[in-house]
C-alpha atoms as a PDB file:
ATOM      1  CA  MET A   1       0.000   0.000   0.000  1.00  0.00           C
ATOM      2  CA  TYR A   2       1.365   3.402  -0.962  1.00  0.00           C
ATOM      3  CA  GLU A   3       1.862   5.779   1.892  1.00  0.00           C
ATOM      4  CA  ASP A   4       2.832   9.426   1.604  1.00  0.00           C
ATOM      5  CA  SER A   5       6.156  10.222   3.263  1.00  0.00           C
ATOM      6  CA  SER A   6       4.707  13.409   4.776  1.00  0.00           C
ATOM      7  CA  LEU A   7       2.116  11.266   6.579  1.00  0.00           C
ATOM      8  CA  GLN A   8       4.877   9.035   7.946  1.00  0.00           C
ATOM      9  CA  ILE A   9       6.811  12.074   9.162  1.00  0.00           C
ATOM     10  CA  TYR A  10       3.635  13.460  10.767  1.00  0.00           C
ATOM     11  CA  ARG A  11       2.974  10.119  12.459  1.00  0.00           C
ATOM     12  CA  PHE A  12       6.524   9.877  13.816  1.00  0.00           C
ATOM     13  CA  THR A  13       6.319  13.473  15.027  1.00  0.00           C
ATOM     14  CA  CYS A  14       3.049  12.751  16.852  1.00  0.00           C
ATOM     15  CA  VAL A  15       4.485   9.633  18.470  1.00  0.00           C
ATOM     16  CA  ALA A  16       7.613  11.539  19.529  1.00  0.00           C
ATOM     17  CA  ASP A  17       5.477  14.350  20.971  1.00  0.00           C
ATOM     18  CA  LEU A  18       3.274  11.875  22.832  1.00  0.00           C
ATOM     19  CA  THR A  19       6.324  10.077  24.198  1.00  0.00           C
ATOM     20  CA  MET A  20       7.883  13.306  25.419  1.00  0.00           C
ATOM     21  CA  ASN A  21       4.568  14.430  26.916  1.00  0.00           C
ATOM     22  CA  SER A  22       4.094  11.144  28.739  1.00  0.00           C
ATOM     23  CA  ILE A  23       7.603  11.427  30.202  1.00  0.00           C
ATOM     24  CA  ASP A  24       6.791  14.900  31.524  1.00  0.00           C
ATOM     25  CA  SER A  25       5.713  14.407  35.129  1.00  0.00           C
ATOM     26  CA  THR A  26       3.299  17.350  35.049  1.00  0.00           C
ATOM     27  CA  LYS A  27       1.280  15.754  32.248  1.00  0.00           C
ATOM     28  CA  SER A  28      -1.650  13.805  33.579  1.00  0.00           C
ATOM     29  CA  LEU A  29      -2.328  10.232  32.543  1.00  0.00           C
ATOM     30  CA  LYS A  30      -5.781  11.217  31.327  1.00  0.00           C
ATOM     31  CA  GLN A  31      -4.367  13.780  28.894  1.00  0.00           C
ATOM     32  CA  THR A  32      -1.818  11.252  27.594  1.00  0.00           C
ATOM     33  CA  VAL A  33      -4.519   8.629  27.020  1.00  0.00           C
ATOM     34  CA  LEU A  34      -6.705  11.190  25.238  1.00  0.00           C
ATOM     35  CA  SER A  35      -3.785  12.233  23.013  1.00  0.00           C
ATOM     36  CA  ILE A  36      -3.025   8.631  22.068  1.00  0.00           C
ATOM     37  CA  SER A  37      -6.722   7.975  21.438  1.00  0.00           C
ATOM     38  CA  LEU A  38      -6.902  11.000  19.153  1.00  0.00           C
ATOM     39  CA  LEU A  39      -3.871   9.752  17.225  1.00  0.00           C
ATOM     40  CA  TYR A  40      -5.525   6.360  16.679  1.00  0.00           C
ATOM     41  CA  ILE A  41      -8.799   8.035  15.620  1.00  0.00           C
ATOM     42  CA  LEU A  42      -6.912  10.112  13.042  1.00  0.00           C
ATOM     43  CA  GLU A  43      -5.150   6.975  11.798  1.00  0.00           C
ATOM     44  CA  LEU A  44      -8.475   5.143  11.509  1.00  0.00           C
ATOM     45  CA  LYS A  45      -9.974   8.085   9.605  1.00  0.00           C
ATOM     46  CA  PHE A  46      -7.052   8.001   7.155  1.00  0.00           C
ATOM     47  CA  LEU A  47      -7.403   4.232   6.639  1.00  0.00           C
ATOM     48  CA  LEU A  48     -11.160   4.523   6.068  1.00  0.00           C
ATOM     49  CA  SER A  49     -10.582   7.323   3.551  1.00  0.00           C
ATOM     50  CA  ALA A  50      -8.050   5.167   1.705  1.00  0.00           C
ATOM     51  CA  LEU A  51     -10.515   2.263   1.690  1.00  0.00           C
ATOM     52  CA  VAL A  52     -13.266   4.471   0.232  1.00  0.00           C
ATOM     53  CA  VAL A  53     -10.897   5.658  -2.510  1.00  0.00           C
ATOM     54  CA  CYS A  54      -9.951   2.056  -3.348  1.00  0.00           C
ATOM     55  CA  ILE A  55     -13.617   1.034  -3.530  1.00  0.00           C
ATOM     56  CA  ASN A  56     -14.457   4.002  -5.761  1.00  0.00           C
ATOM     57  CA  VAL A  57     -11.565   3.207  -8.102  1.00  0.00           C
ATOM     58  CA  SER A  58     -12.598  -0.454  -8.243  1.00  0.00           C
ATOM     59  CA  TYR A  59     -16.198   0.429  -9.093  1.00  0.00           C
ATOM     60  CA  SER A  60     -15.148   2.915 -11.765  1.00  0.00           C
ATOM     61  CA  GLN A  61     -12.815   0.335 -13.340  1.00  0.00           C
ATOM     62  CA  LEU A  62     -15.585  -2.265 -13.233  1.00  0.00           C
ATOM     63  CA  ALA A  63     -18.025   0.149 -14.849  1.00  0.00           C
ATOM     64  CA  HIS A  64     -15.445   0.961 -17.535  1.00  0.00           C
ATOM     65  CA  LEU A  65     -14.901  -2.745 -18.249  1.00  0.00           C
ATOM     66  CA  GLN A  66     -18.636  -3.314 -18.563  1.00  0.00           C
ATOM     67  CA  LEU A  67     -18.938  -0.390 -20.981  1.00  0.00           C
ATOM     68  CA  VAL A  68     -16.078  -1.750 -23.110  1.00  0.00           C
ATOM     69  CA  ARG A  69     -17.852  -5.107 -23.546  1.00  0.00           C
END
């Protein structure tokens, strides 16, 4: 699966930020859990968007093949 390098950099940056924030003793556990949850929600949204694009491409190719027949 193709993945944009800017997305990978963003993901690594978020993980690094979350790691540094969780090490900080003034950061509460609740805030850390919410930050990690938000990161996973964003990841899930990206994966669902990619799935929708793949389905749309598949349907358009199928429709094109049926028109060619």
